PDB file of all heavy atoms in Angstrom:
ATOM      1  N   ILE A   1       6.494  -1.200  -2.095  1.00  0.00           N
ATOM      2  CA  ILE A   1       5.156  -1.808  -1.749  1.00  0.00           C
ATOM      3  C   ILE A   1       4.995  -3.200  -2.428  1.00  0.00           C
ATOM      4  O   ILE A   1       5.330  -3.397  -3.595  1.00  0.00           O
ATOM      5  CB  ILE A   1       3.997  -0.962  -2.198  1.00  0.00           C
ATOM      6  CG1 ILE A   1       3.999   0.424  -1.442  1.00  0.00           C
ATOM      7  CG2 ILE A   1       2.657  -1.643  -2.148  1.00  0.00           C
ATOM      8  CD1 ILE A   1       2.923   1.301  -1.876  1.00  0.00           C
ATOM      9  N   GLY A   2       4.682  -4.206  -1.646  1.00  0.00           N
ATOM     10  CA  GLY A   2       4.559  -5.509  -2.156  1.00  0.00           C
ATOM     11  C   GLY A   2       4.236  -6.464  -0.970  1.00  0.00           C
ATOM     12  O   GLY A   2       3.656  -6.106   0.004  1.00  0.00           O
ATOM     13  N   PRO A   3       4.685  -7.728  -1.118  1.00  0.00           N
ATOM     14  CA  PRO A   3       4.295  -8.702  -0.017  1.00  0.00           C
ATOM     15  C   PRO A   3       4.725  -8.332   1.267  1.00  0.00           C
ATOM     16  O   PRO A   3       5.782  -7.725   1.433  1.00  0.00           O
ATOM     17  CB  PRO A   3       5.023 -10.012  -0.558  1.00  0.00           C
ATOM     18  CG  PRO A   3       5.178  -9.805  -1.975  1.00  0.00           C
ATOM     19  CD  PRO A   3       5.312  -8.316  -2.206  1.00  0.00           C
ATOM     20  N   HIS A   4       4.006  -8.622   2.305  1.00  0.00           N
ATOM     21  CA  HIS A   4       4.271  -8.392   3.698  1.00  0.00           C
ATOM     22  C   HIS A   4       4.242  -6.963   4.146  1.00  0.00           C
ATOM     23  O   HIS A   4       4.721  -6.636   5.176  1.00  0.00           O
ATOM     24  CB  HIS A   4       5.611  -8.983   4.152  1.00  0.00           C
ATOM     25  CG  HIS A   4       5.825 -10.459   3.698  1.00  0.00           C
ATOM     26  ND1 HIS A   4       4.956 -11.438   3.991  1.00  0.00           N
ATOM     27  CD2 HIS A   4       6.719 -10.948   2.800  1.00  0.00           C
ATOM     28  CE1 HIS A   4       5.309 -12.540   3.402  1.00  0.00           C
ATOM     29  NE2 HIS A   4       6.419 -12.295   2.693  1.00  0.00           N
ATOM     30  N   HIS A   5       3.684  -6.034   3.200  1.00  0.00           N
ATOM     31  CA  HIS A   5       3.529  -4.607   3.562  1.00  0.00           C
ATOM     32  C   HIS A   5       2.432  -4.447   4.520  1.00  0.00           C
ATOM     33  O   HIS A   5       2.497  -3.597   5.316  1.00  0.00           O
ATOM     34  CB  HIS A   5       3.276  -3.871   2.350  1.00  0.00           C
ATOM     35  CG  HIS A   5       3.117  -2.435   2.468  1.00  0.00           C
ATOM     36  ND1 HIS A   5       3.982  -1.503   2.911  1.00  0.00           N
ATOM     37  CD2 HIS A   5       1.870  -1.674   2.351  1.00  0.00           C
ATOM     38  CE1 HIS A   5       3.548  -0.349   3.060  1.00  0.00           C
ATOM     39  NE2 HIS A   5       2.267  -0.367   2.718  1.00  0.00           N
ATOM     40  N   THR A   6       1.470  -5.339   4.456  1.00  0.00           N
ATOM     41  CA  THR A   6       0.276  -5.284   5.405  1.00  0.00           C
ATOM     42  C   THR A   6      -0.014  -6.635   5.914  1.00  0.00           C
ATOM     43  O   THR A   6       0.483  -7.729   5.445  1.00  0.00           O
ATOM     44  CB  THR A   6      -0.998  -4.814   4.560  1.00  0.00           C
ATOM     45  OG1 THR A   6      -1.319  -5.842   3.573  1.00  0.00           O
ATOM     46  CG2 THR A   6      -0.727  -3.498   3.962  1.00  0.00           C
ATOM     47  N   TYR A   7      -0.751  -6.657   7.031  1.00  0.00           N
ATOM     48  CA  TYR A   7      -1.256  -7.915   7.518  1.00  0.00           C
ATOM     49  C   TYR A   7      -2.799  -7.738   7.673  1.00  0.00           C
ATOM     50  O   TYR A   7      -3.254  -6.725   8.325  1.00  0.00           O
ATOM     51  CB  TYR A   7      -0.716  -8.376   8.880  1.00  0.00           C
ATOM     52  CG  TYR A   7      -1.344  -9.696   9.358  1.00  0.00           C
ATOM     53  CD1 TYR A   7      -0.783 -10.859   9.004  1.00  0.00           C
ATOM     54  CD2 TYR A   7      -2.446  -9.595  10.191  1.00  0.00           C
ATOM     55  CE1 TYR A   7      -1.467 -12.033   9.325  1.00  0.00           C
ATOM     56  CE2 TYR A   7      -3.098 -10.720  10.533  1.00  0.00           C
ATOM     57  CZ  TYR A   7      -2.608 -11.907  10.186  1.00  0.00           C
ATOM     58  OH  TYR A   7      -3.216 -13.214  10.497  1.00  0.00           O
ATOM     59  N   PRO A   8      -3.607  -8.565   7.102  1.00  0.00           N
ATOM     60  CA  PRO A   8      -3.153  -9.636   6.153  1.00  0.00           C
ATOM     61  C   PRO A   8      -2.686  -9.084   4.798  1.00  0.00           C
ATOM     62  O   PRO A   8      -2.948  -7.853   4.505  1.00  0.00           O
ATOM     63  CB  PRO A   8      -4.363 -10.480   5.991  1.00  0.00           C
ATOM     64  CG  PRO A   8      -5.536  -9.521   6.244  1.00  0.00           C
ATOM     65  CD  PRO A   8      -5.029  -8.568   7.197  1.00  0.00           C
ATOM     66  N   ASP A   9      -2.048  -9.889   4.017  1.00  0.00           N
ATOM     67  CA  ASP A   9      -1.517  -9.430   2.679  1.00  0.00           C
ATOM     68  C   ASP A   9      -2.669  -8.856   1.907  1.00  0.00           C
ATOM     69  O   ASP A   9      -2.411  -7.951   1.169  1.00  0.00           O
ATOM     70  CB  ASP A   9      -0.848 -10.630   1.948  1.00  0.00           C
ATOM     71  CG  ASP A   9       0.608 -10.898   2.478  1.00  0.00           C
ATOM     72  OD1 ASP A   9       1.198  -9.974   3.077  1.00  0.00           O
ATOM     73  OD2 ASP A   9       1.045 -11.995   2.289  1.00  0.00           O
ATOM     74  N   SER A  10      -3.814  -9.401   1.918  1.00  0.00           N
ATOM     75  CA  SER A  10      -4.983  -8.992   1.131  1.00  0.00           C
ATOM     76  C   SER A  10      -5.328  -7.489   1.470  1.00  0.00           C
ATOM     77  O   SER A  10      -6.022  -6.890   0.636  1.00  0.00           O
ATOM     78  CB  SER A  10      -6.217  -9.808   1.315  1.00  0.00           C
ATOM     79  OG  SER A  10      -6.461  -9.795   2.740  1.00  0.00           O
ATOM     80  N   LEU A  11      -4.986  -6.981   2.629  1.00  0.00           N
ATOM     81  CA  LEU A  11      -5.252  -5.593   2.866  1.00  0.00           C
ATOM     82  C   LEU A  11      -4.631  -4.616   2.000  1.00  0.00           C
ATOM     83  O   LEU A  11      -5.208  -3.589   1.834  1.00  0.00           O
ATOM     84  CB  LEU A  11      -4.885  -5.304   4.393  1.00  0.00           C
ATOM     85  CG  LEU A  11      -5.178  -3.884   4.948  1.00  0.00           C
ATOM     86  CD1 LEU A  11      -6.628  -3.597   4.847  1.00  0.00           C
ATOM     87  CD2 LEU A  11      -4.577  -3.771   6.393  1.00  0.00           C
ATOM     88  N   LEU A  12      -3.453  -4.941   1.443  1.00  0.00           N
ATOM     89  CA  LEU A  12      -2.822  -3.971   0.525  1.00  0.00           C
ATOM     90  C   LEU A  12      -3.683  -3.744  -0.672  1.00  0.00           C
ATOM     91  O   LEU A  12      -3.829  -2.626  -1.227  1.00  0.00           O
ATOM     92  CB  LEU A  12      -1.438  -4.621   0.123  1.00  0.00           C
ATOM     93  CG  LEU A  12      -0.638  -3.718  -0.815  1.00  0.00           C
ATOM     94  CD1 LEU A  12      -0.475  -2.313  -0.174  1.00  0.00           C
ATOM     95  CD2 LEU A  12       0.594  -4.328  -1.085  1.00  0.00           C
ATOM     96  N   THR A  13      -4.202  -4.845  -1.245  1.00  0.00           N
ATOM     97  CA  THR A  13      -5.100  -4.611  -2.402  1.00  0.00           C
ATOM     98  C   THR A  13      -6.223  -3.716  -2.064  1.00  0.00           C
ATOM     99  O   THR A  13      -6.661  -2.838  -2.836  1.00  0.00           O
ATOM    100  CB  THR A  13      -5.574  -5.993  -2.992  1.00  0.00           C
ATOM    101  OG1 THR A  13      -4.408  -6.780  -3.221  1.00  0.00           O
ATOM    102  CG2 THR A  13      -6.476  -5.812  -4.219  1.00  0.00           C
ATOM    103  N   GLU A  14      -6.803  -3.923  -0.952  1.00  0.00           N
ATOM    104  CA  GLU A  14      -7.952  -3.072  -0.451  1.00  0.00           C
ATOM    105  C   GLU A  14      -7.554  -1.585  -0.324  1.00  0.00           C
ATOM    106  O   GLU A  14      -8.183  -0.714  -0.756  1.00  0.00           O
ATOM    107  CB  GLU A  14      -8.495  -3.679   0.840  1.00  0.00           C
ATOM    108  CG  GLU A  14      -9.718  -3.097   1.387  1.00  0.00           C
ATOM    109  CD  GLU A  14     -10.276  -3.721   2.559  1.00  0.00           C
ATOM    110  OE1 GLU A  14      -9.857  -4.853   2.928  1.00  0.00           O
ATOM    111  OE2 GLU A  14     -11.108  -3.100   3.250  1.00  0.00           O
ATOM    112  N   ILE A  15      -6.417  -1.414   0.228  1.00  0.00           N
ATOM    113  CA  ILE A  15      -5.817  -0.069   0.344  1.00  0.00           C
ATOM    114  C   ILE A  15      -5.652   0.552  -1.000  1.00  0.00           C
ATOM    115  O   ILE A  15      -6.069   1.793  -1.137  1.00  0.00           O
ATOM    116  CB  ILE A  15      -4.663   0.015   1.255  1.00  0.00           C
ATOM    117  CG1 ILE A  15      -4.844  -0.366   2.674  1.00  0.00           C
ATOM    118  CG2 ILE A  15      -3.872   1.296   1.158  1.00  0.00           C
ATOM    119  CD1 ILE A  15      -3.649  -0.615   3.528  1.00  0.00           C
ATOM    120  N   MET A  16      -5.017  -0.144  -1.880  1.00  0.00           N
ATOM    121  CA  MET A  16      -4.789   0.423  -3.116  1.00  0.00           C
ATOM    122  C   MET A  16      -6.055   0.812  -3.949  1.00  0.00           C
ATOM    123  O   MET A  16      -6.044   1.779  -4.720  1.00  0.00           O
ATOM    124  CB  MET A  16      -3.896  -0.529  -4.033  1.00  0.00           C
ATOM    125  CG  MET A  16      -2.528  -0.907  -3.428  1.00  0.00           C
ATOM    126  SD  MET A  16      -1.518   0.545  -3.129  1.00  0.00           S
ATOM    127  CE  MET A  16      -0.746   0.712  -4.738  1.00  0.00           C
ATOM    128  N   ASP A  17      -7.131   0.016  -3.661  1.00  0.00           N
ATOM    129  CA  ASP A  17      -8.410   0.295  -4.296  1.00  0.00           C
ATOM    130  C   ASP A  17      -9.242   1.386  -3.704  1.00  0.00           C
ATOM    131  O   ASP A  17      -9.955   2.110  -4.314  1.00  0.00           O
ATOM    132  CB  ASP A  17      -9.275  -0.985  -4.233  1.00  0.00           C
ATOM    133  CG  ASP A  17      -8.844  -2.089  -5.179  1.00  0.00           C
ATOM    134  OD1 ASP A  17      -8.009  -1.794  -6.068  1.00  0.00           O
ATOM    135  OD2 ASP A  17      -9.258  -3.247  -4.873  1.00  0.00           O
ATOM    136  N   HIS A  18      -8.875   1.748  -2.456  1.00  0.00           N
ATOM    137  CA  HIS A  18      -9.817   2.766  -1.747  1.00  0.00           C
ATOM    138  C   HIS A  18      -9.030   3.953  -1.238  1.00  0.00           C
ATOM    139  O   HIS A  18      -9.653   4.964  -0.721  1.00  0.00           O
ATOM    140  CB  HIS A  18     -10.436   2.093  -0.486  1.00  0.00           C
ATOM    141  CG  HIS A  18     -11.439   1.069  -0.840  1.00  0.00           C
ATOM    142  ND1 HIS A  18     -11.173  -0.282  -1.016  1.00  0.00           N
ATOM    143  CD2 HIS A  18     -12.743   1.168  -1.083  1.00  0.00           C
ATOM    144  CE1 HIS A  18     -12.206  -0.919  -1.357  1.00  0.00           C
ATOM    145  NE2 HIS A  18     -13.256  -0.052  -1.467  1.00  0.00           N
ATOM    146  N   VAL A  19      -7.755   3.980  -1.273  1.00  0.00           N
ATOM    147  CA  VAL A  19      -6.939   5.232  -0.876  1.00  0.00           C
ATOM    148  C   VAL A  19      -6.118   5.667  -2.067  1.00  0.00           C
ATOM    149  O   VAL A  19      -5.135   5.146  -2.423  1.00  0.00           O
ATOM    150  CB  VAL A  19      -5.987   4.913   0.279  1.00  0.00           C
ATOM    151  CG1 VAL A  19      -5.271   6.094   0.777  1.00  0.00           C
ATOM    152  CG2 VAL A  19      -6.666   4.226   1.476  1.00  0.00           C
ATOM    153  N   PRO A  20      -6.757   6.717  -2.844  1.00  0.00           N
ATOM    154  CA  PRO A  20      -6.132   7.228  -3.986  1.00  0.00           C
ATOM    155  C   PRO A  20      -4.693   7.763  -3.769  1.00  0.00           C
ATOM    156  O   PRO A  20      -4.491   8.444  -2.831  1.00  0.00           O
ATOM    157  CB  PRO A  20      -7.043   8.437  -4.414  1.00  0.00           C
ATOM    158  CG  PRO A  20      -8.322   8.046  -3.710  1.00  0.00           C
ATOM    159  CD  PRO A  20      -7.948   7.358  -2.440  1.00  0.00           C
ATOM    160  N   GLY A  21      -3.782   7.265  -4.724  1.00  0.00           N
ATOM    161  CA  GLY A  21      -2.469   7.788  -4.634  1.00  0.00           C
ATOM    162  C   GLY A  21      -1.596   7.230  -3.519  1.00  0.00           C
ATOM    163  O   GLY A  21      -0.527   7.606  -3.301  1.00  0.00           O
ATOM    164  N   TYR A  22      -2.058   6.134  -2.922  1.00  0.00           N
ATOM    165  CA  TYR A  22      -1.325   5.481  -1.801  1.00  0.00           C
ATOM    166  C   TYR A  22       0.159   5.099  -2.226  1.00  0.00           C
ATOM    167  O   TYR A  22       0.341   4.533  -3.241  1.00  0.00           O
ATOM    168  CB  TYR A  22      -1.952   4.277  -1.299  1.00  0.00           C
ATOM    169  CG  TYR A  22      -1.244   3.626  -0.118  1.00  0.00           C
ATOM    170  CD1 TYR A  22      -1.249   4.200   1.177  1.00  0.00           C
ATOM    171  CD2 TYR A  22      -0.409   2.539  -0.258  1.00  0.00           C
ATOM    172  CE1 TYR A  22      -0.518   3.732   2.191  1.00  0.00           C
ATOM    173  CE2 TYR A  22       0.289   1.936   0.794  1.00  0.00           C
ATOM    174  CZ  TYR A  22       0.126   2.544   1.991  1.00  0.00           C
ATOM    175  OH  TYR A  22       0.963   2.066   3.103  1.00  0.00           O
ATOM    176  N   CYS A  23       1.012   5.656  -1.452  1.00  0.00           N
ATOM    177  CA  CYS A  23       2.506   5.424  -1.742  1.00  0.00           C
ATOM    178  C   CYS A  23       3.201   5.497  -0.432  1.00  0.00           C
ATOM    179  O   CYS A  23       2.732   5.816   0.601  1.00  0.00           O
ATOM    180  CB  CYS A  23       3.005   6.253  -2.806  1.00  0.00           C
ATOM    181  SG  CYS A  23       2.946   8.046  -2.367  1.00  0.00           S
ATOM    182  N   LEU A  24       4.463   5.304  -0.476  1.00  0.00           N
ATOM    183  CA  LEU A  24       5.369   5.261   0.692  1.00  0.00           C
ATOM    184  C   LEU A  24       6.133   6.635   0.895  1.00  0.00           C
ATOM    185  O   LEU A  24       6.533   7.266  -0.123  1.00  0.00           O
ATOM    186  CB  LEU A  24       6.479   4.149   0.617  1.00  0.00           C
ATOM    187  CG  LEU A  24       5.783   2.740   0.443  1.00  0.00           C
ATOM    188  CD1 LEU A  24       6.812   1.713   0.287  1.00  0.00           C
ATOM    189  CD2 LEU A  24       4.792   2.403   1.520  1.00  0.00           C
ATOM    190  N   TRP A  25       6.560   6.884   2.094  1.00  0.00           N
ATOM    191  CA  TRP A  25       7.367   8.082   2.358  1.00  0.00           C
ATOM    192  C   TRP A  25       8.747   7.939   1.650  1.00  0.00           C
ATOM    193  O   TRP A  25       9.344   8.947   1.332  1.00  0.00           O
ATOM    194  CB  TRP A  25       7.524   8.229   3.855  1.00  0.00           C
ATOM    195  CG  TRP A  25       6.492   8.934   4.503  1.00  0.00           C
ATOM    196  CD1 TRP A  25       5.464   8.365   5.316  1.00  0.00           C
ATOM    197  CD2 TRP A  25       6.116  10.306   4.533  1.00  0.00           C
ATOM    198  NE1 TRP A  25       4.642   9.241   5.807  1.00  0.00           N
ATOM    199  CE2 TRP A  25       4.990  10.536   5.231  1.00  0.00           C
ATOM    200  CE3 TRP A  25       6.761  11.389   3.934  1.00  0.00           C
ATOM    201  CZ2 TRP A  25       4.438  11.750   5.425  1.00  0.00           C
ATOM    202  CZ3 TRP A  25       6.173  12.650   4.096  1.00  0.00           C
ATOM    203  CH2 TRP A  25       4.996  12.882   4.858  1.00  0.00           C
ATOM    204  N   ASP A  26       9.178   6.761   1.464  1.00  0.00           N
ATOM    205  CA  ASP A  26      10.458   6.591   0.780  1.00  0.00           C
ATOM    206  C   ASP A  26      10.506   7.055  -0.586  1.00  0.00           C
ATOM    207  O   ASP A  26      11.558   7.296  -1.225  1.00  0.00           O
ATOM    208  CB  ASP A  26      10.980   5.101   0.827  1.00  0.00           C
ATOM    209  CG  ASP A  26      11.409   4.739   2.226  1.00  0.00           C
ATOM    210  OD1 ASP A  26      11.549   5.597   3.128  1.00  0.00           O
ATOM    211  OD2 ASP A  26      11.607   3.487   2.484  1.00  0.00           O
ATOM    212  N   GLU A  27       9.381   7.301  -1.185  1.00  0.00           N
ATOM    213  CA  GLU A  27       9.229   7.765  -2.535  1.00  0.00           C
ATOM    214  C   GLU A  27       9.123   9.255  -2.615  1.00  0.00           C
ATOM    215  O   GLU A  27       8.425   9.910  -3.406  1.00  0.00           O
ATOM    216  CB  GLU A  27       7.961   7.085  -3.158  1.00  0.00           C
ATOM    217  CG  GLU A  27       8.075   5.565  -3.231  1.00  0.00           C
ATOM    218  CD  GLU A  27       6.706   4.874  -3.592  1.00  0.00           C
ATOM    219  OE1 GLU A  27       5.776   5.618  -3.892  1.00  0.00           O
ATOM    220  OE2 GLU A  27       6.699   3.662  -3.442  1.00  0.00           O
ATOM    221  N   PHE A  28       9.987   9.934  -1.890  1.00  0.00           N
ATOM    222  CA  PHE A  28      10.035  11.377  -1.777  1.00  0.00           C
ATOM    223  C   PHE A  28      10.583  12.035  -3.022  1.00  0.00           C
ATOM    224  O   PHE A  28      11.621  11.394  -3.579  1.00  0.00           O
ATOM    225  CB  PHE A  28      10.921  11.764  -0.595  1.00  0.00           C
ATOM    226  CG  PHE A  28      10.180  12.589   0.436  1.00  0.00           C
ATOM    227  CD1 PHE A  28      10.888  12.959   1.643  1.00  0.00           C
ATOM    228  CD2 PHE A  28       8.947  12.997   0.280  1.00  0.00           C
ATOM    229  CE1 PHE A  28      10.300  13.704   2.588  1.00  0.00           C
ATOM    230  CE2 PHE A  28       8.358  13.750   1.263  1.00  0.00           C
ATOM    231  CZ  PHE A  28       9.029  14.099   2.478  1.00  0.00           C
ATOM    232  N   ASP A  29      10.055  13.108  -3.471  1.00  0.00           N
ATOM    233  CA  ASP A  29      10.685  13.877  -4.430  1.00  0.00           C
ATOM    234  C   ASP A  29      11.586  14.949  -3.808  1.00  0.00           C
ATOM    235  O   ASP A  29      11.147  15.914  -3.190  1.00  0.00           O
ATOM    236  CB  ASP A  29       9.555  14.637  -5.302  1.00  0.00           C
ATOM    237  CG  ASP A  29      10.131  15.420  -6.426  1.00  0.00           C
ATOM    238  OD1 ASP A  29      11.275  15.646  -6.426  1.00  0.00           O
ATOM    239  OD2 ASP A  29       9.315  15.958  -7.262  1.00  0.00           O
TER     240      ASP A  29
END
């Protein structure tokens, strides 16, 4: 997760603030 994950880039900060535990499928246990 980082730059260019969302459009616009600012949406990522909003998601991280409002969607608890947001992470990627690649981070599988």
